[in-house]
Structure formats: C-alpha cells, structure tokens
PDB file of N, CA and C in Angstrom:
ATOM      1  N   MET A   1       6.552 -48.590   3.083  1.00  0.00           N
ATOM      2  CA  MET A   1       5.568 -47.925   3.895  1.00  0.00           C
ATOM      3  C   MET A   1       5.273 -46.552   3.300  1.00  0.00           C
ATOM      4  N   ARG A   2       4.004 -46.247   3.150  1.00  0.00           N
ATOM      5  CA  ARG A   2       3.601 -45.004   2.510  1.00  0.00           C
ATOM      6  C   ARG A   2       2.807 -44.154   3.497  1.00  0.00           C
ATOM      7  N   LYS A   3       3.206 -42.889   3.601  1.00  0.00           N
ATOM      8  CA  LYS A   3       2.485 -41.967   4.471  1.00  0.00           C
ATOM      9  C   LYS A   3       1.659 -41.019   3.604  1.00  0.00           C
ATOM     10  N   GLU A   4       0.475 -40.712   4.069  1.00  0.00           N
ATOM     11  CA  GLU A   4      -0.351 -39.725   3.378  1.00  0.00           C
ATOM     12  C   GLU A   4      -0.265 -38.402   4.117  1.00  0.00           C
ATOM     13  N   THR A   5      -0.065 -37.363   3.367  1.00  0.00           N
ATOM     14  CA  THR A   5      -0.006 -36.024   3.943  1.00  0.00           C
ATOM     15  C   THR A   5      -1.081 -35.184   3.282  1.00  0.00           C
ATOM     16  N   GLU A   6      -1.838 -34.503   4.097  1.00  0.00           N
ATOM     17  CA  GLU A   6      -2.919 -33.676   3.562  1.00  0.00           C
ATOM     18  C   GLU A   6      -2.770 -32.264   4.113  1.00  0.00           C
ATOM     19  N   VAL A   7      -2.828 -31.298   3.209  1.00  0.00           N
ATOM     20  CA  VAL A   7      -2.729 -29.897   3.607  1.00  0.00           C
ATOM     21  C   VAL A   7      -3.989 -29.198   3.117  1.00  0.00           C
ATOM     22  N   CYS A   8      -4.646 -28.519   4.040  1.00  0.00           N
ATOM     23  CA  CYS A   8      -5.865 -27.799   3.692  1.00  0.00           C
ATOM     24  C   CYS A   8      -5.610 -26.308   3.901  1.00  0.00           C
ATOM     25  N   VAL A   9      -5.686 -25.549   2.814  1.00  0.00           N
ATOM     26  CA  VAL A   9      -5.464 -24.103   2.890  1.00  0.00           C
ATOM     27  C   VAL A   9      -6.781 -23.421   2.571  1.00  0.00           C
ATOM     28  N   GLU A  10      -7.221 -22.591   3.500  1.00  0.00           N
ATOM     29  CA  GLU A  10      -8.483 -21.880   3.306  1.00  0.00           C
ATOM     30  C   GLU A  10      -8.183 -20.394   3.177  1.00  0.00           C
ATOM     31  N   VAL A  11      -8.642 -19.800   2.085  1.00  0.00           N
ATOM     32  CA  VAL A  11      -8.425 -18.377   1.848  1.00  0.00           C
ATOM     33  C   VAL A  11      -9.770 -17.670   1.977  1.00  0.00           C
ATOM     34  N   ASN A  12      -9.843 -16.765   2.940  1.00  0.00           N
ATOM     35  CA  ASN A  12     -11.072 -16.011   3.156  1.00  0.00           C
ATOM     36  C   ASN A  12     -10.922 -14.664   2.456  1.00  0.00           C
ATOM     37  N   VAL A  13     -11.439 -14.568   1.238  1.00  0.00           N
ATOM     38  CA  VAL A  13     -11.255 -13.387   0.400  1.00  0.00           C
ATOM     39  C   VAL A  13     -11.961 -12.179   0.998  1.00  0.00           C
ATOM     40  N   THR A  14     -13.128 -12.370   1.577  1.00  0.00           N
ATOM     41  CA  THR A  14     -13.860 -11.226   2.122  1.00  0.00           C
ATOM     42  C   THR A  14     -13.092 -10.582   3.266  1.00  0.00           C
ATOM     43  N   LYS A  15     -12.432 -11.379   4.086  1.00  0.00           N
ATOM     44  CA  LYS A  15     -11.643 -10.828   5.193  1.00  0.00           C
ATOM     45  C   LYS A  15     -10.434 -10.062   4.650  1.00  0.00           C
ATOM     46  N   ILE A  16      -9.788 -10.600   3.618  1.00  0.00           N
ATOM     47  CA  ILE A  16      -8.633  -9.932   3.007  1.00  0.00           C
ATOM     48  C   ILE A  16      -9.056  -8.593   2.420  1.00  0.00           C
ATOM     49  N   VAL A  17     -10.162  -8.584   1.686  1.00  0.00           N
ATOM     50  CA  VAL A  17     -10.646  -7.349   1.066  1.00  0.00           C
ATOM     51  C   VAL A  17     -11.019  -6.333   2.134  1.00  0.00           C
ATOM     52  N   LYS A  18     -11.644  -6.786   3.202  1.00  0.00           N
ATOM     53  CA  LYS A  18     -12.043  -5.879   4.288  1.00  0.00           C
ATOM     54  C   LYS A  18     -10.833  -5.193   4.888  1.00  0.00           C
ATOM     55  N   TYR A  19      -9.793  -5.950   5.201  1.00  0.00           N
ATOM     56  CA  TYR A  19      -8.610  -5.363   5.825  1.00  0.00           C
ATOM     57  C   TYR A  19      -7.828  -4.481   4.854  1.00  0.00           C
ATOM     58  N   VAL A  20      -7.816  -4.816   3.581  1.00  0.00           N
ATOM     59  CA  VAL A  20      -7.163  -3.961   2.587  1.00  0.00           C
ATOM     60  C   VAL A  20      -7.895  -2.629   2.480  1.00  0.00           C
ATOM     61  N   CYS A  21      -9.220  -2.660   2.486  1.00  0.00           N
ATOM     62  CA  CYS A  21      -9.998  -1.416   2.433  1.00  0.00           C
ATOM     63  C   CYS A  21      -9.785  -0.570   3.682  1.00  0.00           C
ATOM     64  N   ILE A  22      -9.748  -1.196   4.833  1.00  0.00           N
ATOM     65  CA  ILE A  22      -9.511  -0.445   6.078  1.00  0.00           C
ATOM     66  C   ILE A  22      -8.121   0.182   6.053  1.00  0.00           C
ATOM     67  N   ALA A  23      -7.124  -0.566   5.616  1.00  0.00           N
ATOM     68  CA  ALA A  23      -5.760  -0.028   5.553  1.00  0.00           C
ATOM     69  C   ALA A  23      -5.687   1.138   4.573  1.00  0.00           C
ATOM     70  N   GLY A  24      -6.356   1.013   3.433  1.00  0.00           N
ATOM     71  CA  GLY A  24      -6.377   2.103   2.455  1.00  0.00           C
ATOM     72  C   GLY A  24      -7.032   3.349   3.015  1.00  0.00           C
ATOM     73  N   ALA A  25      -8.122   3.180   3.730  1.00  0.00           N
ATOM     74  CA  ALA A  25      -8.823   4.328   4.321  1.00  0.00           C
ATOM     75  C   ALA A  25      -7.955   5.010   5.367  1.00  0.00           C
ATOM     76  N   VAL A  26      -7.234   4.232   6.154  1.00  0.00           N
ATOM     77  CA  VAL A  26      -6.348   4.813   7.168  1.00  0.00           C
ATOM     78  C   VAL A  26      -5.210   5.592   6.510  1.00  0.00           C
ATOM     79  N   ILE A  27      -4.654   5.060   5.442  1.00  0.00           N
ATOM     80  CA  ILE A  27      -3.568   5.745   4.734  1.00  0.00           C
ATOM     81  C   ILE A  27      -4.058   7.053   4.136  1.00  0.00           C
ATOM     82  N   VAL A  28      -5.211   7.023   3.485  1.00  0.00           N
ATOM     83  CA  VAL A  28      -5.773   8.240   2.886  1.00  0.00           C
ATOM     84  C   VAL A  28      -6.098   9.271   3.965  1.00  0.00           C
ATOM     85  N   ALA A  29      -6.659   8.832   5.085  1.00  0.00           N
ATOM     86  CA  ALA A  29      -6.969   9.754   6.176  1.00  0.00           C
ATOM     87  C   ALA A  29      -5.701  10.383   6.735  1.00  0.00           C
ATOM     88  N   ALA A  30      -4.633   9.624   6.852  1.00  0.00           N
ATOM     89  CA  ALA A  30      -3.371  10.161   7.364  1.00  0.00           C
ATOM     90  C   ALA A  30      -2.801  11.207   6.411  1.00  0.00           C
ATOM     91  N   ILE A  31      -2.864  10.928   5.117  1.00  0.00           N
ATOM     92  CA  ILE A  31      -2.328  11.881   4.133  1.00  0.00           C
ATOM     93  C   ILE A  31      -3.133  13.174   4.154  1.00  0.00           C
ATOM     94  N   PHE A  32      -4.453  13.081   4.078  1.00  0.00           N
ATOM     95  CA  PHE A  32      -5.275  14.285   4.068  1.00  0.00           C
ATOM     96  C   PHE A  32      -5.238  15.000   5.412  1.00  0.00           C
ATOM     97  N   GLY A  33      -5.107  14.264   6.491  1.00  0.00           N
ATOM     98  CA  GLY A  33      -4.977  14.892   7.799  1.00  0.00           C
ATOM     99  C   GLY A  33      -3.697  15.704   7.905  1.00  0.00           C
ATOM    100  N   GLU A  34      -2.615  15.162   7.379  1.00  0.00           N
ATOM    101  CA  GLU A  34      -1.348  15.882   7.393  1.00  0.00           C
ATOM    102  C   GLU A  34      -1.439  17.151   6.553  1.00  0.00           C
ATOM    103  N   LEU A  35      -2.022  17.046   5.369  1.00  0.00           N
ATOM    104  CA  LEU A  35      -2.161  18.229   4.507  1.00  0.00           C
ATOM    105  C   LEU A  35      -3.047  19.286   5.155  1.00  0.00           C
ATOM    106  N   ALA A  36      -4.131  18.862   5.767  1.00  0.00           N
ATOM    107  CA  ALA A  36      -5.029  19.810   6.428  1.00  0.00           C
ATOM    108  C   ALA A  36      -4.325  20.465   7.612  1.00  0.00           C
ATOM    109  N   PHE A  37      -3.527  19.711   8.346  1.00  0.00           N
ATOM    110  CA  PHE A  37      -2.806  20.269   9.488  1.00  0.00           C
ATOM    111  C   PHE A  37      -1.779  21.299   9.020  1.00  0.00           C
ATOM    112  N   LYS A  38      -1.094  21.016   7.907  1.00  0.00           N
ATOM    113  CA  LYS A  38      -0.132  21.979   7.361  1.00  0.00           C
ATOM    114  C   LYS A  38      -0.834  23.275   6.962  1.00  0.00           C
ATOM    115  N   GLU A  39      -1.980  23.163   6.302  1.00  0.00           N
ATOM    116  CA  GLU A  39      -2.744  24.359   5.911  1.00  0.00           C
ATOM    117  C   GLU A  39      -3.216  25.115   7.139  1.00  0.00           C
ATOM    118  N   PHE A  40      -3.608  24.410   8.176  1.00  0.00           N
ATOM    119  CA  PHE A  40      -4.051  25.036   9.411  1.00  0.00           C
ATOM    120  C   PHE A  40      -2.923  25.836  10.061  1.00  0.00           C
ATOM    121  N   ILE A  41      -1.727  25.234  10.061  1.00  0.00           N
ATOM    122  CA  ILE A  41      -0.572  25.924  10.634  1.00  0.00           C
ATOM    123  C   ILE A  41      -0.214  27.155   9.808  1.00  0.00           C
ATOM    124  N   LYS A  42      -0.275  27.042   8.477  1.00  0.00           N
ATOM    125  CA  LYS A  42       0.012  28.192   7.608  1.00  0.00           C
ATOM    126  C   LYS A  42      -0.984  29.327   7.843  1.00  0.00           C
ATOM    127  N   SER A  43      -2.247  28.986   8.005  1.00  0.00           N
ATOM    128  CA  SER A  43      -3.272  30.019   8.158  1.00  0.00           C
ATOM    129  C   SER A  43      -3.161  30.728   9.508  1.00  0.00           C
ATOM    130  N   ARG A  44      -2.593  30.076  10.499  1.00  0.00           N
ATOM    131  CA  ARG A  44      -2.428  30.686  11.827  1.00  0.00           C
ATOM    132  C   ARG A  44      -1.239  31.638  11.866  1.00  0.00           C
ATOM    133  N   SER A  45      -0.319  31.500  10.927  1.00  0.00           N
ATOM    134  CA  SER A  45       0.884  32.341  10.936  1.00  0.00           C
ATOM    135  C   SER A  45       0.627  33.713  10.368  1.00  0.00           C
TER     136      SER A  45
END
C-alpha cells in the first residue's frame, strides 16, 4: 500500500521584505532617539 504525501510551501517575499524594512526602521529610530535624548539631557545640564 502506497500513500502519497504532498507539501505545499508558499513564500511571500514581498511580505518578508516589508517586515524586515519596518523592523530596520524601528531599530534605527530607537538608536537615533536614544542619542538625541542623551544630547537633550546634556544640553539641559
């Protein structure tokens, strides 16, 4: 007796690229936000 098994894998590249770009933008914003906040605190002292 032989069984057939079928696996269908769908990769949505545009969705992957979109989320990678959003994650990168959030990381860059966090880094520059932290640096700007440090400069702001220094200038107030």
